[in-house]
Every structure is written in structure tokens, then in C-alpha cells.
Amino acid sequence: MGLLVDGEWRDQWYDTAKSGGRFQRQDSAFRNWVTADGSPGPSGEGGFEAEPGRYHLYVSLACPWAHRALIFRALKGLEAMIDVSVVHWLMLDQGWTFAEGPGVVPDPIGTSRYLHQVYTRADPRYTGRVTVPVLWDKRQGTIVNNESSEIIRMFNSAFDGVGAKPGDYYPQALRGEIDQLNERIYGTVNNGVYKAGFATTQEAYEEAVGPLFETLDWLEERLDGRRFLTGDAVTEADWRLFTTLIRFDAVYVGHFKCNIRRIADYPRLSAYLRRLLAVEGVAETIDFGHIKRHYYESHRTINPTGIVPVGPDLSALVGV
């Protein structure tokens, strides 16, 4: 995991020494929005109108943040409107790459070898982490947005007028509840597993792992009598949680030391995960080969040997 500094790539891991061993995620830098008519969104500049074929999505099949975007692309039927490049699962001294491998889809726009070259194509002086997902505008030749929570909001509604499938996963009546769920789940679960896994002191690890399982216990209780987090209808909050849950037993339990309980030990969360997995198009967005090999082979500070465990057997949890 590296970063760009004034457009120059540096192979540099997160500096947790300054934060007492705590992992601190950097905010995304590109915050423009695709809108139905090209008007400005909640942040950034306007000029990005929803048009079929105009935008390209860069993802990793391993990354839970990029997985959100792939799910919304499938839910809204945007596959023919927004094409995709998929990086290699192994992220070492050059960060995300387009090296050959099963499931890798090269960059058709700039024929980049590395994802950081996509960033410098948009901003030759860019400083910051090089992350996925990335939404690229072919017309303006730049990155629209690299914040997953905003990309899924765009996919949810911006393309409705040009042929997207019906379905609103952020309905007006539930926005307050969804936002509250997102806030807690992001801080303690989505990002909580990383705060536990990337911690470099015992104190920082325990600060993260405790709230993680408090929230999982709370979610298990919340699902008593509910099919989804807000009731009978699936919403954005469910999909944001899903991409962490589907990786939990395969990776986070062992690799990130989030081993107090497995998702398989939670009857309601396990059933909930299976309900989400059964939604049309979702299973096709999951690649456990990329997921397991990325984490176990790439994070050499955590797993120096790069050995990928054979287990766990996920058949009882997800039916695969």
C-alpha cells in the first residue's frame, strides 16, 4: 500500500506511530457527482451528466468499498452503461496493478499498468492514497469521484432517466434512519475491522475490536422480526453492511484478529446474509479467490509469509 506525493509514487505503509498505533483512514479526494442533468451534486463541480457509455469504473474484487459500487451497478442494471476495469488482487510495492491474472480486466482508456497512473492522468500533481473504486469520465478525461458512499448514491438515482432499473435504495422516508445506521456501521464495522487489523498496539486493537462486536451483537438483535435493517425492504444500509459481512469469516476473523465470534455464530445475521446474497446479480459480484488472496498475500506486515489459508468452509453460511 503506497501513495502519491505531488504525482510521484511512494511505497509507504500507513504511519500508525503518530496515532498511538491506531489506523486512520484518509478522506477521498475526488468528490464530484454524476447527476441526471449535469448540475452540481452535494460537493464538487457540475458538468457530469448521466449518459450511457460516458463513465468507466475501476474496482478491485477484493475491496469491500469497491464491492459496494459493483453491487449498485448490478442492482440498477448499469452494466451496459458503465464499463469496468478490475485490478489484480496482489497489492505490493506499486499498489493496485493491472497485471495479468484470473478476473483481471485491463485499463482500456489509458492502458495503465498501475492504478496510480489513472490518478496522475487526472491530476499530475495528486497527493494522497490510491484507492478503489474510481469513477472516471471519458469525456472530460478525469476522475469524477473516488468515494464509494457517494458513487453508490449516484448509481442509485442519477441514471434513472436513461434506462436504469427501477429501485430506490435511499428512499426519502427512511433517509434519517439509513444515515444513522450507516454512521454506526461504518465507524465500528466497515472501518472497524481495519482499525482492528491494522492496529500496531494492543490498546489500539482492543479499542477497535470491542465496539465491532458490540455493533454485531446489536445488529443481531435488530434483525429479530426484521428481514432487513429498516424493515421488509432492502436499502443502502444493508448493502454497505453486506460487503463487510461477506468477507468476515473468510478474512477478518483470522487475518484481522476479529475472532471473538464469527458471522456463522450469529443465526439472524447469517440468515440475513443469505437473503442479501440471493438478490439477483449480487452473487456474481463476489470472488473469494480475489478476496482471500488479496488480504493474505498483500498485507506482508500482518502475514509475512503470504500463505493463504485453505479454509474456512463457507458452505453453511453462504451456500457456496
C-alpha atoms as a PDB file:
ATOM      1  CA  MET A   1       0.000   0.000   0.000  1.00  0.00           C
ATOM      2  CA  GLY A   2       1.612   3.233  -1.143  1.00  0.00           C
ATOM      3  CA  LEU A   3       0.631   6.760  -2.017  1.00  0.00           C
ATOM      4  CA  LEU A   4       1.350   9.572  -4.427  1.00  0.00           C
ATOM      5  CA  VAL A   5       3.137  12.731  -3.322  1.00  0.00           C
ATOM      6  CA  ASP A   6       2.998  15.548  -5.889  1.00  0.00           C
ATOM      7  CA  GLY A   7       2.409  12.904  -8.546  1.00  0.00           C
ATOM      8  CA  GLU A   8       5.356  10.706  -7.512  1.00  0.00           C
ATOM      9  CA  TRP A   9       4.639   7.181  -6.295  1.00  0.00           C
ATOM     10  CA  ARG A  10       5.982   6.120  -2.900  1.00  0.00           C
ATOM     11  CA  ASP A  11       5.777   2.626  -1.449  1.00  0.00           C
ATOM     12  CA  GLN A  12       4.765   3.625   2.059  1.00  0.00           C
ATOM     13  CA  TRP A  13       2.567   1.796   4.580  1.00  0.00           C
ATOM     14  CA  TYR A  14       0.251   3.620   6.977  1.00  0.00           C
ATOM     15  CA  ASP A  15       2.142   5.563   9.645  1.00  0.00           C
ATOM     16  CA  THR A  16       0.479   4.447  12.871  1.00  0.00           C
ATOM     17  CA  ALA A  17       3.322   5.679  15.098  1.00  0.00           C
ATOM     18  CA  LYS A  18       1.862   9.192  15.106  1.00  0.00           C
ATOM     19  CA  SER A  19      -1.551   7.935  16.227  1.00  0.00           C
ATOM     20  CA  GLY A  20      -0.612   5.596  19.048  1.00  0.00           C
ATOM     21  CA  GLY A  21      -0.888   2.511  16.862  1.00  0.00           C
ATOM     22  CA  ARG A  22      -4.312   3.475  15.524  1.00  0.00           C
ATOM     23  CA  PHE A  23      -5.245   3.138  11.852  1.00  0.00           C
ATOM     24  CA  GLN A  24      -6.657   6.396  10.460  1.00  0.00           C
ATOM     25  CA  ARG A  25      -8.289   6.333   7.040  1.00  0.00           C
ATOM     26  CA  GLN A  26      -7.648   9.244   4.693  1.00  0.00           C
ATOM     27  CA  ASP A  27     -10.648  11.051   3.217  1.00  0.00           C
ATOM     28  CA  SER A  28     -11.282  10.573  -0.502  1.00  0.00           C
ATOM     29  CA  ALA A  29     -10.053  13.443  -2.670  1.00  0.00           C
ATOM     30  CA  PHE A  30     -12.262  13.461  -5.788  1.00  0.00           C
ATOM     31  CA  ARG A  31     -15.789  14.455  -4.804  1.00  0.00           C
ATOM     32  CA  ASN A  32     -17.706  15.484  -7.935  1.00  0.00           C
ATOM     33  CA  TRP A  33     -21.100  13.918  -8.672  1.00  0.00           C
ATOM     34  CA  VAL A  34     -22.809  12.472 -11.711  1.00  0.00           C
ATOM     35  CA  THR A  35     -26.332  13.915 -11.767  1.00  0.00           C
ATOM     36  CA  ALA A  36     -29.304  13.454 -14.074  1.00  0.00           C
ATOM     37  CA  ASP A  37     -28.821  16.838 -15.759  1.00  0.00           C
ATOM     38  CA  GLY A  38     -25.171  17.563 -15.034  1.00  0.00           C
ATOM     39  CA  SER A  39     -25.891  20.088 -12.292  1.00  0.00           C
ATOM     40  CA  PRO A  40     -23.563  20.125  -9.266  1.00  0.00           C
ATOM     41  CA  GLY A  41     -24.156  17.489  -6.619  1.00  0.00           C
ATOM     42  CA  PRO A  42     -23.717  17.864  -2.849  1.00  0.00           C
ATOM     43  CA  SER A  43     -19.985  18.531  -3.338  1.00  0.00           C
ATOM     44  CA  GLY A  44     -17.572  19.359  -6.128  1.00  0.00           C
ATOM     45  CA  GLU A  45     -18.338  20.808  -9.527  1.00  0.00           C
ATOM     46  CA  GLY A  46     -21.075  20.196 -12.084  1.00  0.00           C
ATOM     47  CA  GLY A  47     -20.755  19.114 -15.683  1.00  0.00           C
ATOM     48  CA  PHE A  48     -21.101  15.359 -15.163  1.00  0.00           C
ATOM     49  CA  GLU A  49     -24.405  14.404 -16.743  1.00  0.00           C
ATOM     50  CA  ALA A  50     -25.699  10.842 -16.541  1.00  0.00           C
ATOM     51  CA  GLU A  51     -25.159   9.403 -20.017  1.00  0.00           C
ATOM     52  CA  PRO A  52     -24.829   5.755 -21.090  1.00  0.00           C
ATOM     53  CA  GLY A  53     -21.267   4.875 -22.102  1.00  0.00           C
ATOM     54  CA  ARG A  54     -19.666   8.024 -20.708  1.00  0.00           C
ATOM     55  CA  TYR A  55     -18.270   6.647 -17.451  1.00  0.00           C
ATOM     56  CA  HIS A  56     -15.816   3.905 -16.528  1.00  0.00           C
ATOM     57  CA  LEU A  57     -15.477   2.221 -13.137  1.00  0.00           C
ATOM     58  CA  TYR A  58     -12.192   0.944 -11.704  1.00  0.00           C
ATOM     59  CA  VAL A  59     -12.606  -1.669  -8.963  1.00  0.00           C
ATOM     60  CA  SER A  60     -10.979  -4.438  -7.008  1.00  0.00           C
ATOM     61  CA  LEU A  61     -12.987  -7.612  -6.469  1.00  0.00           C
ATOM     62  CA  ALA A  62     -11.234  -7.930  -3.105  1.00  0.00           C
ATOM     63  CA  CYS A  63     -12.099  -4.487  -1.750  1.00  0.00           C
ATOM     64  CA  PRO A  64     -15.352  -4.069   0.217  1.00  0.00           C
ATOM     65  CA  TRP A  65     -15.595  -0.389  -0.715  1.00  0.00           C
ATOM     66  CA  ALA A  66     -15.351  -1.151  -4.441  1.00  0.00           C
ATOM     67  CA  HIS A  67     -17.734  -4.062  -3.970  1.00  0.00           C
ATOM     68  CA  ARG A  68     -20.451  -1.601  -2.967  1.00  0.00           C
ATOM     69  CA  ALA A  69     -20.183   0.095  -6.346  1.00  0.00           C
ATOM     70  CA  LEU A  70     -20.288  -3.213  -8.228  1.00  0.00           C
ATOM     71  CA  ILE A  71     -23.425  -4.233  -6.346  1.00  0.00           C
ATOM     72  CA  PHE A  72     -25.241  -1.000  -7.139  1.00  0.00           C
ATOM     73  CA  ARG A  73     -24.144  -1.225 -10.766  1.00  0.00           C
ATOM     74  CA  ALA A  74     -25.797  -4.671 -10.863  1.00  0.00           C
ATOM     75  CA  LEU A  75     -28.910  -3.721  -8.872  1.00  0.00           C
ATOM     76  CA  LYS A  76     -29.608  -0.760 -11.136  1.00  0.00           C
ATOM     77  CA  GLY A  77     -28.793  -2.599 -14.366  1.00  0.00           C
ATOM     78  CA  LEU A  78     -25.945  -0.264 -15.289  1.00  0.00           C
ATOM     79  CA  GLU A  79     -23.598  -2.926 -16.672  1.00  0.00           C
ATOM     80  CA  ALA A  80     -24.144  -1.858 -20.281  1.00  0.00           C
ATOM     81  CA  MET A  81     -23.896   1.848 -19.404  1.00  0.00           C
ATOM     82  CA  ILE A  82     -20.785   1.817 -17.202  1.00  0.00           C
ATOM     83  CA  ASP A  83     -17.918  -0.479 -18.162  1.00  0.00           C
ATOM     84  CA  VAL A  84     -15.409  -1.780 -15.639  1.00  0.00           C
ATOM     85  CA  SER A  85     -11.721  -2.444 -15.124  1.00  0.00           C
ATOM     86  CA  VAL A  86     -10.657  -4.882 -12.407  1.00  0.00           C
ATOM     87  CA  VAL A  87      -7.245  -4.686 -10.762  1.00  0.00           C
ATOM     88  CA  HIS A  88      -5.119  -7.669  -9.744  1.00  0.00           C
ATOM     89  CA  TRP A  89      -5.651  -8.937  -6.197  1.00  0.00           C
ATOM     90  CA  LEU A  90      -1.963  -8.591  -5.234  1.00  0.00           C
ATOM     91  CA  MET A  91      -1.120  -5.121  -3.957  1.00  0.00           C
ATOM     92  CA  LEU A  92       2.577  -4.684  -3.177  1.00  0.00           C
ATOM     93  CA  ASP A  93       5.230  -2.065  -3.953  1.00  0.00           C
ATOM     94  CA  GLN A  94       3.269  -0.429  -6.823  1.00  0.00           C
ATOM     95  CA  GLY A  95      -0.133  -0.605  -5.152  1.00  0.00           C
ATOM     96  CA  TRP A  96      -3.039  -1.834  -7.258  1.00  0.00           C
ATOM     97  CA  THR A  97      -1.906  -3.116 -10.660  1.00  0.00           C
ATOM     98  CA  PHE A  98      -3.398  -4.456 -13.880  1.00  0.00           C
ATOM     99  CA  ALA A  99      -1.034  -7.440 -14.016  1.00  0.00           C
ATOM    100  CA  GLU A 100      -2.437 -10.479 -15.792  1.00  0.00           C
ATOM    101  CA  GLY A 101      -4.474 -12.846 -13.676  1.00  0.00           C
ATOM    102  CA  PRO A 102      -7.857 -14.566 -13.471  1.00  0.00           C
ATOM    103  CA  GLY A 103     -10.618 -11.994 -13.266  1.00  0.00           C
ATOM    104  CA  VAL A 104      -8.362  -9.014 -14.055  1.00  0.00           C
ATOM    105  CA  VAL A 105      -9.794  -6.585 -16.626  1.00  0.00           C
ATOM    106  CA  PRO A 106      -7.149  -4.156 -18.004  1.00  0.00           C
ATOM    107  CA  ASP A 107      -7.496  -0.406 -18.293  1.00  0.00           C
ATOM    108  CA  PRO A 108      -8.902   0.309 -21.794  1.00  0.00           C
ATOM    109  CA  ILE A 109      -8.630   4.091 -21.505  1.00  0.00           C
ATOM    110  CA  GLY A 110      -5.007   4.846 -20.700  1.00  0.00           C
ATOM    111  CA  THR A 111      -3.609   1.316 -20.864  1.00  0.00           C
ATOM    112  CA  SER A 112      -2.221   1.909 -17.364  1.00  0.00           C
ATOM    113  CA  ARG A 113      -0.057  -0.734 -15.722  1.00  0.00           C
ATOM    114  CA  TYR A 114      -0.808   0.648 -12.258  1.00  0.00           C
ATOM    115  CA  LEU A 115      -3.858   2.309 -10.765  1.00  0.00           C
ATOM    116  CA  HIS A 116      -1.747   5.218  -9.556  1.00  0.00           C
ATOM    117  CA  GLN A 117      -1.252   6.118 -13.236  1.00  0.00           C
ATOM    118  CA  VAL A 118      -5.020   6.603 -13.527  1.00  0.00           C
ATOM    119  CA  TYR A 119      -4.817   9.106 -10.662  1.00  0.00           C
ATOM    120  CA  THR A 120      -1.953  11.058 -12.197  1.00  0.00           C
ATOM    121  CA  ARG A 121      -3.761  11.050 -15.540  1.00  0.00           C
ATOM    122  CA  ALA A 122      -6.494  13.014 -13.773  1.00  0.00           C
ATOM    123  CA  ASP A 123      -4.129  15.148 -11.669  1.00  0.00           C
ATOM    124  CA  PRO A 124      -0.387  15.028 -12.433  1.00  0.00           C
ATOM    125  CA  ARG A 125       0.345  16.607  -9.012  1.00  0.00           C
ATOM    126  CA  TYR A 126      -2.015  14.427  -6.986  1.00  0.00           C
ATOM    127  CA  THR A 127      -1.063  13.744  -3.357  1.00  0.00           C
ATOM    128  CA  GLY A 128      -2.833  11.004  -1.423  1.00  0.00           C
ATOM    129  CA  ARG A 129      -3.714   7.329  -1.265  1.00  0.00           C
ATOM    130  CA  VAL A 130      -4.635   5.475  -4.457  1.00  0.00           C
ATOM    131  CA  THR A 131      -7.860   3.647  -3.699  1.00  0.00           C
ATOM    132  CA  VAL A 132     -10.794   1.917  -5.381  1.00  0.00           C
ATOM    133  CA  PRO A 133     -13.471   2.427  -6.534  1.00  0.00           C
ATOM    134  CA  VAL A 134     -12.719   5.154  -9.049  1.00  0.00           C
ATOM    135  CA  LEU A 135     -15.397   6.594 -11.334  1.00  0.00           C
ATOM    136  CA  TRP A 136     -13.825   8.029 -14.496  1.00  0.00           C
ATOM    137  CA  ASP A 137     -15.379  10.430 -17.015  1.00  0.00           C
ATOM    138  CA  LYS A 138     -14.264   9.512 -20.530  1.00  0.00           C
ATOM    139  CA  ARG A 139     -15.449  12.835 -21.959  1.00  0.00           C
ATOM    140  CA  GLN A 140     -13.551  15.158 -19.614  1.00  0.00           C
ATOM    141  CA  GLY A 141     -10.702  12.697 -19.102  1.00  0.00           C
ATOM    142  CA  THR A 142     -10.723  12.886 -15.328  1.00  0.00           C
ATOM    143  CA  ILE A 143     -11.814  11.201 -12.128  1.00  0.00           C
ATOM    144  CA  VAL A 144     -15.318  12.148 -11.090  1.00  0.00           C
ATOM    145  CA  ASN A 145     -15.268  10.565  -7.658  1.00  0.00           C
ATOM    146  CA  ASN A 146     -13.343   8.008  -5.605  1.00  0.00           C
ATOM    147  CA  GLU A 147     -15.624   7.861  -2.563  1.00  0.00           C
ATOM    148  CA  SER A 148     -17.686   4.666  -2.568  1.00  0.00           C
ATOM    149  CA  SER A 149     -20.531   6.003  -0.413  1.00  0.00           C
ATOM    150  CA  GLU A 150     -21.114   8.772  -2.948  1.00  0.00           C
ATOM    151  CA  ILE A 151     -20.695   6.608  -6.048  1.00  0.00           C
ATOM    152  CA  ILE A 152     -23.463   4.271  -4.865  1.00  0.00           C
ATOM    153  CA  ARG A 153     -25.760   7.257  -4.314  1.00  0.00           C
ATOM    154  CA  MET A 154     -25.117   8.341  -7.907  1.00  0.00           C
ATOM    155  CA  PHE A 155     -25.801   4.862  -9.229  1.00  0.00           C
ATOM    156  CA  ASN A 156     -28.961   4.694  -7.118  1.00  0.00           C
ATOM    157  CA  SER A 157     -30.710   7.559  -8.877  1.00  0.00           C
ATOM    158  CA  ALA A 158     -28.699   9.578 -11.413  1.00  0.00           C
ATOM    159  CA  PHE A 159     -29.244   7.164 -14.317  1.00  0.00           C
ATOM    160  CA  ASP A 160     -32.957   6.534 -13.738  1.00  0.00           C
ATOM    161  CA  GLY A 161     -33.898   8.790 -16.648  1.00  0.00           C
ATOM    162  CA  VAL A 162     -31.648   6.986 -19.149  1.00  0.00           C
ATOM    163  CA  GLY A 163     -32.687   3.402 -18.591  1.00  0.00           C
ATOM    164  CA  ALA A 164     -31.526   2.242 -15.166  1.00  0.00           C
ATOM    165  CA  LYS A 165     -33.607  -0.425 -13.464  1.00  0.00           C
ATOM    166  CA  PRO A 166     -36.252   0.830 -11.019  1.00  0.00           C
ATOM    167  CA  GLY A 167     -35.472   0.731  -7.332  1.00  0.00           C
ATOM    168  CA  ASP A 168     -34.602   3.365  -4.750  1.00  0.00           C
ATOM    169  CA  TYR A 169     -32.260   2.156  -2.033  1.00  0.00           C
ATOM    170  CA  TYR A 170     -32.156   5.552  -0.305  1.00  0.00           C
ATOM    171  CA  PRO A 171     -35.858   6.472  -0.066  1.00  0.00           C
ATOM    172  CA  GLN A 172     -36.747   9.874   1.322  1.00  0.00           C
ATOM    173  CA  ALA A 173     -38.869   8.483   4.165  1.00  0.00           C
ATOM    174  CA  LEU A 174     -36.022   6.332   5.500  1.00  0.00           C
ATOM    175  CA  ARG A 175     -33.040   8.614   4.967  1.00  0.00           C
ATOM    176  CA  GLY A 176     -32.680   9.650   8.585  1.00  0.00           C
ATOM    177  CA  GLU A 177     -32.726   6.039   9.776  1.00  0.00           C
ATOM    178  CA  ILE A 178     -30.376   4.902   6.994  1.00  0.00           C
ATOM    179  CA  ASP A 179     -27.914   7.687   7.786  1.00  0.00           C
ATOM    180  CA  GLN A 180     -27.864   6.742  11.475  1.00  0.00           C
ATOM    181  CA  LEU A 181     -27.296   3.083  10.641  1.00  0.00           C
ATOM    182  CA  ASN A 182     -24.541   3.973   8.164  1.00  0.00           C
ATOM    183  CA  GLU A 183     -22.744   6.127  10.699  1.00  0.00           C
ATOM    184  CA  ARG A 184     -22.557   3.432  13.359  1.00  0.00           C
ATOM    185  CA  ILE A 185     -21.862   0.570  10.953  1.00  0.00           C
ATOM    186  CA  TYR A 186     -19.127   2.478   9.128  1.00  0.00           C
ATOM    187  CA  GLY A 187     -17.302   3.531  12.277  1.00  0.00           C
ATOM    188  CA  THR A 188     -17.412   0.229  14.127  1.00  0.00           C
ATOM    189  CA  VAL A 189     -17.878  -2.480  11.459  1.00  0.00           C
ATOM    190  CA  ASN A 190     -16.904  -1.403   7.906  1.00  0.00           C
ATOM    191  CA  ASN A 191     -13.894   0.568   9.088  1.00  0.00           C
ATOM    192  CA  GLY A 192     -13.798  -1.171  12.470  1.00  0.00           C
ATOM    193  CA  VAL A 193     -12.314  -4.363  11.034  1.00  0.00           C
ATOM    194  CA  TYR A 194      -9.497  -2.302   9.504  1.00  0.00           C
ATOM    195  CA  LYS A 195      -8.924  -0.407  12.738  1.00  0.00           C
ATOM    196  CA  ALA A 196      -8.524  -3.769  14.466  1.00  0.00           C
ATOM    197  CA  GLY A 197      -6.499  -5.402  11.698  1.00  0.00           C
ATOM    198  CA  PHE A 198      -4.103  -2.540  11.048  1.00  0.00           C
ATOM    199  CA  ALA A 199      -3.596  -1.601  14.716  1.00  0.00           C
ATOM    200  CA  THR A 200       0.014  -1.770  15.843  1.00  0.00           C
ATOM    201  CA  THR A 201      -0.555  -1.649  19.599  1.00  0.00           C
ATOM    202  CA  GLN A 202      -2.640  -3.859  21.872  1.00  0.00           C
ATOM    203  CA  GLU A 203      -4.530  -0.823  23.149  1.00  0.00           C
ATOM    204  CA  ALA A 204      -5.484   0.348  19.661  1.00  0.00           C
ATOM    205  CA  TYR A 205      -6.583  -3.161  18.674  1.00  0.00           C
ATOM    206  CA  GLU A 206      -8.810  -3.595  21.732  1.00  0.00           C
ATOM    207  CA  GLU A 207     -10.284  -0.112  21.235  1.00  0.00           C
ATOM    208  CA  ALA A 208     -11.492  -1.280  17.824  1.00  0.00           C
ATOM    209  CA  VAL A 209     -12.455  -4.911  18.359  1.00  0.00           C
ATOM    210  CA  GLY A 210     -14.728  -4.225  21.342  1.00  0.00           C
ATOM    211  CA  PRO A 211     -17.075  -1.786  19.552  1.00  0.00           C
ATOM    212  CA  LEU A 212     -17.012  -4.019  16.454  1.00  0.00           C
ATOM    213  CA  PHE A 213     -18.599  -6.914  18.314  1.00  0.00           C
ATOM    214  CA  GLU A 214     -20.901  -4.658  20.316  1.00  0.00           C
ATOM    215  CA  THR A 215     -22.353  -3.492  16.999  1.00  0.00           C
ATOM    216  CA  LEU A 216     -22.575  -7.014  15.567  1.00  0.00           C
ATOM    217  CA  ASP A 217     -24.461  -8.081  18.712  1.00  0.00           C
ATOM    218  CA  TRP A 218     -26.744  -5.066  18.317  1.00  0.00           C
ATOM    219  CA  LEU A 219     -27.392  -5.888  14.669  1.00  0.00           C
ATOM    220  CA  GLU A 220     -28.241  -9.491  15.579  1.00  0.00           C
ATOM    221  CA  GLU A 221     -30.897  -8.182  17.975  1.00  0.00           C
ATOM    222  CA  ARG A 222     -32.131  -5.589  15.497  1.00  0.00           C
ATOM    223  CA  LEU A 223     -32.865  -8.333  12.969  1.00  0.00           C
ATOM    224  CA  ASP A 224     -35.294 -10.038  15.354  1.00  0.00           C
ATOM    225  CA  GLY A 225     -38.542  -9.842  13.385  1.00  0.00           C
ATOM    226  CA  ARG A 226     -36.988  -7.840  10.525  1.00  0.00           C
ATOM    227  CA  ARG A 227     -35.876  -9.102   7.133  1.00  0.00           C
ATOM    228  CA  PHE A 228     -33.556  -6.126   6.621  1.00  0.00           C
ATOM    229  CA  LEU A 229     -32.145  -3.334   8.766  1.00  0.00           C
ATOM    230  CA  THR A 230     -35.043  -0.925   8.284  1.00  0.00           C
ATOM    231  CA  GLY A 231     -37.831  -3.482   7.847  1.00  0.00           C
ATOM    232  CA  ASP A 232     -39.074  -5.501   4.893  1.00  0.00           C
ATOM    233  CA  ALA A 233     -37.304  -3.508   2.151  1.00  0.00           C
ATOM    234  CA  VAL A 234     -33.596  -3.692   1.413  1.00  0.00           C
ATOM    235  CA  THR A 235     -31.819  -0.318   1.492  1.00  0.00           C
ATOM    236  CA  GLU A 236     -28.401   1.209   1.040  1.00  0.00           C
ATOM    237  CA  ALA A 237     -27.596   0.463   4.689  1.00  0.00           C
ATOM    238  CA  ASP A 238     -27.944  -3.270   4.055  1.00  0.00           C
ATOM    239  CA  TRP A 239     -25.588  -3.243   1.085  1.00  0.00           C
ATOM    240  CA  ARG A 240     -22.994  -1.195   2.935  1.00  0.00           C
ATOM    241  CA  LEU A 241     -23.022  -3.765   5.728  1.00  0.00           C
ATOM    242  CA  PHE A 242     -23.141  -6.752   3.360  1.00  0.00           C
ATOM    243  CA  THR A 243     -19.709  -6.208   1.819  1.00  0.00           C
ATOM    244  CA  THR A 244     -18.073  -6.458   5.244  1.00  0.00           C
ATOM    245  CA  LEU A 245     -20.161  -9.409   6.431  1.00  0.00           C
ATOM    246  CA  ILE A 246     -19.415 -11.491   3.318  1.00  0.00           C
ATOM    247  CA  ARG A 247     -15.654 -11.112   3.987  1.00  0.00           C
ATOM    248  CA  PHE A 248     -15.837 -11.508   7.745  1.00  0.00           C
ATOM    249  CA  ASP A 249     -15.424 -15.247   8.324  1.00  0.00           C
ATOM    250  CA  ALA A 250     -13.154 -15.723   5.292  1.00  0.00           C
ATOM    251  CA  VAL A 251     -10.697 -12.948   6.171  1.00  0.00           C
ATOM    252  CA  TYR A 252     -11.381 -10.684   9.121  1.00  0.00           C
ATOM    253  CA  VAL A 253     -11.747 -13.409  11.766  1.00  0.00           C
ATOM    254  CA  GLY A 254      -8.241 -14.703  11.174  1.00  0.00           C
ATOM    255  CA  HIS A 255      -6.269 -12.101   9.289  1.00  0.00           C
ATOM    256  CA  PHE A 256      -7.542  -9.068  11.227  1.00  0.00           C
ATOM    257  CA  LYS A 257      -7.892 -10.904  14.586  1.00  0.00           C
ATOM    258  CA  CYS A 258     -11.643 -10.194  14.739  1.00  0.00           C
ATOM    259  CA  ASN A 259     -12.180 -13.598  16.295  1.00  0.00           C
ATOM    260  CA  ILE A 260     -14.493 -13.148  19.276  1.00  0.00           C
ATOM    261  CA  ARG A 261     -17.301 -14.590  17.164  1.00  0.00           C
ATOM    262  CA  ARG A 262     -17.877 -15.486  13.510  1.00  0.00           C
ATOM    263  CA  ILE A 263     -20.851 -14.353  11.457  1.00  0.00           C
ATOM    264  CA  ALA A 264     -21.720 -18.061  11.309  1.00  0.00           C
ATOM    265  CA  ASP A 265     -22.228 -17.859  15.096  1.00  0.00           C
ATOM    266  CA  TYR A 266     -24.991 -15.257  14.655  1.00  0.00           C
ATOM    267  CA  PRO A 267     -28.181 -17.030  13.444  1.00  0.00           C
ATOM    268  CA  ARG A 268     -30.023 -13.878  12.353  1.00  0.00           C
ATOM    269  CA  LEU A 269     -27.041 -12.211  10.701  1.00  0.00           C
ATOM    270  CA  SER A 270     -26.279 -15.452   8.856  1.00  0.00           C
ATOM    271  CA  ALA A 271     -29.848 -15.732   7.556  1.00  0.00           C
ATOM    272  CA  TYR A 272     -29.798 -12.039   6.647  1.00  0.00           C
ATOM    273  CA  LEU A 273     -26.564 -12.516   4.714  1.00  0.00           C
ATOM    274  CA  ARG A 274     -28.116 -15.363   2.742  1.00  0.00           C
ATOM    275  CA  ARG A 275     -31.175 -13.224   1.906  1.00  0.00           C
ATOM    276  CA  LEU A 276     -28.965 -10.492   0.501  1.00  0.00           C
ATOM    277  CA  LEU A 277     -26.826 -12.986  -1.374  1.00  0.00           C
ATOM    278  CA  ALA A 278     -29.970 -14.323  -3.080  1.00  0.00           C
ATOM    279  CA  VAL A 279     -30.819 -10.936  -4.623  1.00  0.00           C
ATOM    280  CA  GLU A 280     -30.442 -11.117  -8.395  1.00  0.00           C
ATOM    281  CA  GLY A 281     -26.990 -10.159  -9.646  1.00  0.00           C
ATOM    282  CA  VAL A 282     -25.299  -9.956  -6.245  1.00  0.00           C
ATOM    283  CA  ALA A 283     -23.600 -13.370  -6.115  1.00  0.00           C
ATOM    284  CA  GLU A 284     -21.887 -12.604  -9.437  1.00  0.00           C
ATOM    285  CA  THR A 285     -20.069  -9.665  -7.825  1.00  0.00           C
ATOM    286  CA  ILE A 286     -18.271 -11.906  -5.305  1.00  0.00           C
ATOM    287  CA  ASP A 287     -14.887 -13.531  -5.900  1.00  0.00           C
ATOM    288  CA  PHE A 288     -13.495 -15.270  -2.820  1.00  0.00           C
ATOM    289  CA  GLY A 289     -10.279 -16.055  -4.706  1.00  0.00           C
ATOM    290  CA  HIS A 290      -9.521 -12.355  -5.115  1.00  0.00           C
ATOM    291  CA  ILE A 291     -10.735 -11.581  -1.598  1.00  0.00           C
ATOM    292  CA  LYS A 292      -8.620 -14.133   0.272  1.00  0.00           C
ATOM    293  CA  ARG A 293      -5.520 -13.819  -1.894  1.00  0.00           C
ATOM    294  CA  HIS A 294      -5.514 -10.027  -1.684  1.00  0.00           C
ATOM    295  CA  TYR A 295      -5.588  -9.798   2.095  1.00  0.00           C
ATOM    296  CA  TYR A 296      -3.324 -12.727   2.921  1.00  0.00           C
ATOM    297  CA  GLU A 297      -0.790 -12.146   0.122  1.00  0.00           C
ATOM    298  CA  SER A 298      -0.680  -8.338   0.116  1.00  0.00           C
ATOM    299  CA  HIS A 299      -0.520  -7.390   3.807  1.00  0.00           C
ATOM    300  CA  ARG A 300       3.024  -8.537   4.465  1.00  0.00           C
ATOM    301  CA  THR A 301       3.281  -6.571   7.728  1.00  0.00           C
ATOM    302  CA  ILE A 302       0.456  -8.764   9.072  1.00  0.00           C
ATOM    303  CA  ASN A 303       1.122 -12.037   7.210  1.00  0.00           C
ATOM    304  CA  PRO A 304       4.808 -12.014   6.201  1.00  0.00           C
ATOM    305  CA  THR A 305       4.746 -15.478   4.604  1.00  0.00           C
ATOM    306  CA  GLY A 306       1.897 -14.632   2.243  1.00  0.00           C
ATOM    307  CA  ILE A 307       0.335 -18.049   2.889  1.00  0.00           C
ATOM    308  CA  VAL A 308      -3.388 -18.125   2.110  1.00  0.00           C
ATOM    309  CA  PRO A 309      -5.405 -20.398   4.425  1.00  0.00           C
ATOM    310  CA  VAL A 310      -7.444 -23.122   2.762  1.00  0.00           C
ATOM    311  CA  GLY A 311     -10.494 -22.507   4.973  1.00  0.00           C
ATOM    312  CA  PRO A 312     -12.923 -21.637   6.240  1.00  0.00           C
ATOM    313  CA  ASP A 313     -15.697 -23.736   4.745  1.00  0.00           C
ATOM    314  CA  LEU A 314     -18.362 -21.125   3.971  1.00  0.00           C
ATOM    315  CA  SER A 315     -20.964 -23.522   2.588  1.00  0.00           C
ATOM    316  CA  ALA A 316     -23.167 -23.386   5.675  1.00  0.00           C
ATOM    317  CA  LEU A 317     -23.027 -19.601   5.775  1.00  0.00           C
ATOM    318  CA  VAL A 318     -23.409 -18.557   2.154  1.00  0.00           C
ATOM    319  CA  GLY A 319     -24.257 -21.780   0.346  1.00  0.00           C
ATOM    320  CA  VAL A 320     -21.119 -21.920  -1.830  1.00  0.00           C
END
